[in-house]
Amino acid sequence: MTSHKGNQLIKLGAETLADLLLSLCDTSPEVDDLVKRLLATPDQNIKRCKEKLTSLKRGRSFISWRESATFVNQLHQLLNDLEAGAIDSCLGVELVGRFFVADAHIYKRCDDSNGEVGDVFRYTAADPFVSFASRCENKQK
């Protein structure tokens, strides 16, 4: 069921909403990333996911406690790219596995005293892993 606000947005029309989203892309990296995910093919989203994982592993800058919420959002975006692109369940398992392996490097470079980064690994990433693993026919993987 669409909300009243949703109905109002629908009445604005696709062109108006597209212009608004493009405007938001210029000022918000999160919105820009979301739009890129929505417009990408599954293969492109997998490529985006792999690039983000590589970037996480190569990252050197320290992420302070104050910056951790933004960093957590980046981790969520990476997982969203993964879920949007991994049509093959076994590939999804592999990519979530790579995400889990990156945890040691991620923890080394951030202050997670509020526990938000850890929660991404304990809870957020666990859901797609279980979902992909339950559908993957190659259980050894």
C-alpha atoms as a PDB file:
ATOM      1  CA  MET A   1       0.000   0.000   0.000  1.00  0.00           C
ATOM      2  CA  THR A   2       1.384   3.381  -1.011  1.00  0.00           C
ATOM      3  CA  SER A   3       1.383   6.134   1.589  1.00  0.00           C
ATOM      4  CA  HIS A   4      -0.117   9.575   1.100  1.00  0.00           C
ATOM      5  CA  LYS A   5       3.378  10.999   0.601  1.00  0.00           C
ATOM      6  CA  GLY A   6       4.113   8.216  -1.895  1.00  0.00           C
ATOM      7  CA  ASN A   7       0.993   9.081  -3.876  1.00  0.00           C
ATOM      8  CA  GLN A   8       2.021  12.730  -3.949  1.00  0.00           C
ATOM      9  CA  LEU A   9       5.450  11.798  -5.282  1.00  0.00           C
ATOM     10  CA  ILE A  10       3.911   9.575  -7.952  1.00  0.00           C
ATOM     11  CA  LYS A  11       1.792  12.528  -9.116  1.00  0.00           C
ATOM     12  CA  LEU A  12       4.954  14.593  -9.628  1.00  0.00           C
ATOM     13  CA  GLY A  13       5.917  12.319 -12.499  1.00  0.00           C
ATOM     14  CA  ALA A  14       9.035  10.420 -13.509  1.00  0.00           C
ATOM     15  CA  GLU A  15      10.875  13.360 -15.079  1.00  0.00           C
ATOM     16  CA  THR A  16      10.516  15.570 -11.985  1.00  0.00           C
ATOM     17  CA  LEU A  17      11.645  12.751  -9.701  1.00  0.00           C
ATOM     18  CA  ALA A  18      14.584  11.898 -11.980  1.00  0.00           C
ATOM     19  CA  ASP A  19      15.704  15.543 -11.940  1.00  0.00           C
ATOM     20  CA  LEU A  20      15.415  15.609  -8.164  1.00  0.00           C
ATOM     21  CA  LEU A  21      17.470  12.417  -7.785  1.00  0.00           C
ATOM     22  CA  LEU A  22      20.164  13.753 -10.104  1.00  0.00           C
ATOM     23  CA  SER A  23      20.291  16.940  -8.067  1.00  0.00           C
ATOM     24  CA  LEU A  24      20.666  14.919  -4.865  1.00  0.00           C
ATOM     25  CA  CYS A  25      23.444  12.855  -6.486  1.00  0.00           C
ATOM     26  CA  ASP A  26      25.509  16.030  -6.772  1.00  0.00           C
ATOM     27  CA  THR A  27      25.372  16.679  -3.030  1.00  0.00           C
ATOM     28  CA  SER A  28      25.131  13.210  -1.479  1.00  0.00           C
ATOM     29  CA  PRO A  29      27.576  10.371  -2.184  1.00  0.00           C
ATOM     30  CA  GLU A  30      25.093   7.932  -0.612  1.00  0.00           C
ATOM     31  CA  VAL A  31      22.313   8.927  -3.012  1.00  0.00           C
ATOM     32  CA  ASP A  32      24.743   8.842  -5.939  1.00  0.00           C
ATOM     33  CA  ASP A  33      25.782   5.316  -4.957  1.00  0.00           C
ATOM     34  CA  LEU A  34      22.147   4.229  -4.639  1.00  0.00           C
ATOM     35  CA  VAL A  35      21.281   5.604  -8.086  1.00  0.00           C
ATOM     36  CA  LYS A  36      24.315   3.874  -9.590  1.00  0.00           C
ATOM     37  CA  ARG A  37      23.188   0.569  -8.031  1.00  0.00           C
ATOM     38  CA  LEU A  38      19.641   1.006  -9.334  1.00  0.00           C
ATOM     39  CA  LEU A  39      20.867   1.704 -12.869  1.00  0.00           C
ATOM     40  CA  ALA A  40      23.521  -1.031 -12.932  1.00  0.00           C
ATOM     41  CA  THR A  41      23.154  -4.530 -14.290  1.00  0.00           C
ATOM     42  CA  PRO A  42      23.748  -7.432 -11.885  1.00  0.00           C
ATOM     43  CA  ASP A  43      27.250  -7.904 -13.353  1.00  0.00           C
ATOM     44  CA  GLN A  44      28.024  -4.224 -12.870  1.00  0.00           C
ATOM     45  CA  ASN A  45      26.850  -4.416  -9.256  1.00  0.00           C
ATOM     46  CA  ILE A  46      29.124  -7.402  -8.647  1.00  0.00           C
ATOM     47  CA  LYS A  47      32.001  -5.428 -10.140  1.00  0.00           C
ATOM     48  CA  ARG A  48      31.132  -2.471  -7.875  1.00  0.00           C
ATOM     49  CA  CYS A  49      31.069  -4.817  -4.874  1.00  0.00           C
ATOM     50  CA  LYS A  50      34.473  -6.293  -5.715  1.00  0.00           C
ATOM     51  CA  GLU A  51      35.960  -2.823  -6.230  1.00  0.00           C
ATOM     52  CA  LYS A  52      34.617  -1.681  -2.863  1.00  0.00           C
ATOM     53  CA  LEU A  53      36.021  -4.782  -1.155  1.00  0.00           C
ATOM     54  CA  THR A  54      39.426  -4.132  -2.706  1.00  0.00           C
ATOM     55  CA  SER A  55      39.259  -0.514  -1.624  1.00  0.00           C
ATOM     56  CA  LEU A  56      38.401  -1.560   1.945  1.00  0.00           C
ATOM     57  CA  LYS A  57      41.404  -3.874   2.071  1.00  0.00           C
ATOM     58  CA  ARG A  58      43.750  -1.218   0.673  1.00  0.00           C
ATOM     59  CA  GLY A  59      42.426   1.577   2.850  1.00  0.00           C
ATOM     60  CA  ARG A  60      44.937   3.089   5.228  1.00  0.00           C
ATOM     61  CA  SER A  61      43.208   6.083   6.756  1.00  0.00           C
ATOM     62  CA  PHE A  62      41.951   5.760  10.304  1.00  0.00           C
ATOM     63  CA  ILE A  63      38.196   6.013  10.804  1.00  0.00           C
ATOM     64  CA  SER A  64      37.408   7.773  14.044  1.00  0.00           C
ATOM     65  CA  TRP A  65      34.427   7.087  16.249  1.00  0.00           C
ATOM     66  CA  ARG A  66      32.719  10.169  14.784  1.00  0.00           C
ATOM     67  CA  GLU A  67      33.215   8.891  11.247  1.00  0.00           C
ATOM     68  CA  SER A  68      32.112   5.342  11.994  1.00  0.00           C
ATOM     69  CA  ALA A  69      28.421   5.916  11.173  1.00  0.00           C
ATOM     70  CA  THR A  70      29.347   7.069   7.669  1.00  0.00           C
ATOM     71  CA  PHE A  71      31.696   4.115   7.326  1.00  0.00           C
ATOM     72  CA  VAL A  72      28.969   1.702   8.446  1.00  0.00           C
ATOM     73  CA  ASN A  73      26.719   3.167   5.758  1.00  0.00           C
ATOM     74  CA  GLN A  74      29.446   2.422   3.188  1.00  0.00           C
ATOM     75  CA  LEU A  75      29.588  -1.183   4.404  1.00  0.00           C
ATOM     76  CA  HIS A  76      25.805  -1.446   4.058  1.00  0.00           C
ATOM     77  CA  GLN A  77      26.009  -0.031   0.518  1.00  0.00           C
ATOM     78  CA  LEU A  78      28.619  -2.656  -0.360  1.00  0.00           C
ATOM     79  CA  LEU A  79      26.345  -5.427   0.915  1.00  0.00           C
ATOM     80  CA  ASN A  80      23.421  -3.931  -1.003  1.00  0.00           C
ATOM     81  CA  ASP A  81      25.506  -3.978  -4.212  1.00  0.00           C
ATOM     82  CA  LEU A  82      26.326  -7.611  -3.501  1.00  0.00           C
ATOM     83  CA  GLU A  83      22.683  -8.565  -3.004  1.00  0.00           C
ATOM     84  CA  ALA A  84      21.631  -6.625  -6.118  1.00  0.00           C
ATOM     85  CA  GLY A  85      24.221  -8.348  -8.273  1.00  0.00           C
ATOM     86  CA  ALA A  86      24.592 -11.895  -7.009  1.00  0.00           C
ATOM     87  CA  ILE A  87      22.000 -13.744  -9.030  1.00  0.00           C
ATOM     88  CA  ASP A  88      24.022 -16.931  -8.530  1.00  0.00           C
ATOM     89  CA  SER A  89      23.725 -18.033  -4.893  1.00  0.00           C
ATOM     90  CA  CYS A  90      27.168 -19.616  -4.787  1.00  0.00           C
ATOM     91  CA  LEU A  91      28.733 -16.387  -6.025  1.00  0.00           C
ATOM     92  CA  GLY A  92      26.814 -14.578  -3.291  1.00  0.00           C
ATOM     93  CA  VAL A  93      28.274 -16.949  -0.675  1.00  0.00           C
ATOM     94  CA  GLU A  94      31.771 -16.359  -2.051  1.00  0.00           C
ATOM     95  CA  LEU A  95      31.412 -12.575  -1.982  1.00  0.00           C
ATOM     96  CA  VAL A  96      29.929 -12.427   1.504  1.00  0.00           C
ATOM     97  CA  GLY A  97      32.800 -14.700   2.542  1.00  0.00           C
ATOM     98  CA  ARG A  98      35.280 -12.185   1.104  1.00  0.00           C
ATOM     99  CA  PHE A  99      33.499  -9.474   3.065  1.00  0.00           C
ATOM    100  CA  PHE A 100      33.910 -11.469   6.291  1.00  0.00           C
ATOM    101  CA  VAL A 101      37.603 -12.071   5.541  1.00  0.00           C
ATOM    102  CA  ALA A 102      38.114  -8.299   5.218  1.00  0.00           C
ATOM    103  CA  ASP A 103      36.969  -7.774   8.811  1.00  0.00           C
ATOM    104  CA  ALA A 104      40.468  -7.985  10.314  1.00  0.00           C
ATOM    105  CA  HIS A 105      41.734  -5.179   8.123  1.00  0.00           C
ATOM    106  CA  ILE A 106      38.607  -3.118   8.687  1.00  0.00           C
ATOM    107  CA  TYR A 107      38.837  -3.406  12.457  1.00  0.00           C
ATOM    108  CA  LYS A 108      42.507  -2.356  12.400  1.00  0.00           C
ATOM    109  CA  ARG A 109      41.652   0.972  10.853  1.00  0.00           C
ATOM    110  CA  CYS A 110      38.585   2.082  12.771  1.00  0.00           C
ATOM    111  CA  ASP A 111      37.387   2.988  16.232  1.00  0.00           C
ATOM    112  CA  ASP A 112      34.388   0.740  16.786  1.00  0.00           C
ATOM    113  CA  SER A 113      33.805   1.648  20.399  1.00  0.00           C
ATOM    114  CA  ASN A 114      30.103   2.070  19.680  1.00  0.00           C
ATOM    115  CA  GLY A 115      29.905  -1.427  18.137  1.00  0.00           C
ATOM    116  CA  GLU A 116      28.265  -0.391  14.869  1.00  0.00           C
ATOM    117  CA  VAL A 117      30.960  -1.846  12.608  1.00  0.00           C
ATOM    118  CA  GLY A 118      30.862  -5.135  14.495  1.00  0.00           C
ATOM    119  CA  ASP A 119      27.095  -5.236  14.134  1.00  0.00           C
ATOM    120  CA  VAL A 120      27.476  -5.128  10.350  1.00  0.00           C
ATOM    121  CA  PHE A 121      29.493  -8.347  10.522  1.00  0.00           C
ATOM    122  CA  ARG A 122      27.438 -10.025  13.266  1.00  0.00           C
ATOM    123  CA  TYR A 123      23.978  -9.226  11.948  1.00  0.00           C
ATOM    124  CA  THR A 124      23.714  -7.338   8.654  1.00  0.00           C
ATOM    125  CA  ALA A 125      26.119  -9.513   6.631  1.00  0.00           C
ATOM    126  CA  ALA A 126      24.870 -12.717   8.241  1.00  0.00           C
ATOM    127  CA  ASP A 127      21.428 -12.383   6.656  1.00  0.00           C
ATOM    128  CA  PRO A 128      22.552 -12.408   2.994  1.00  0.00           C
ATOM    129  CA  PHE A 129      25.093 -15.128   3.794  1.00  0.00           C
ATOM    130  CA  VAL A 130      22.389 -17.408   5.194  1.00  0.00           C
ATOM    131  CA  SER A 131      20.065 -16.555   2.310  1.00  0.00           C
ATOM    132  CA  PHE A 132      22.694 -17.282  -0.354  1.00  0.00           C
ATOM    133  CA  ALA A 133      24.005 -20.394   1.437  1.00  0.00           C
ATOM    134  CA  SER A 134      20.543 -21.906   1.762  1.00  0.00           C
ATOM    135  CA  ARG A 135      20.057 -21.592  -2.017  1.00  0.00           C
ATOM    136  CA  CYS A 136      23.570 -22.645  -3.056  1.00  0.00           C
ATOM    137  CA  GLU A 137      23.502 -26.199  -4.407  1.00  0.00           C
ATOM    138  CA  ASN A 138      27.244 -26.693  -3.840  1.00  0.00           C
ATOM    139  CA  LYS A 139      27.142 -27.081  -0.039  1.00  0.00           C
ATOM    140  CA  GLN A 140      30.911 -27.704   0.108  1.00  0.00           C
ATOM    141  CA  LYS A 141      31.438 -24.137  -1.081  1.00  0.00           C
END
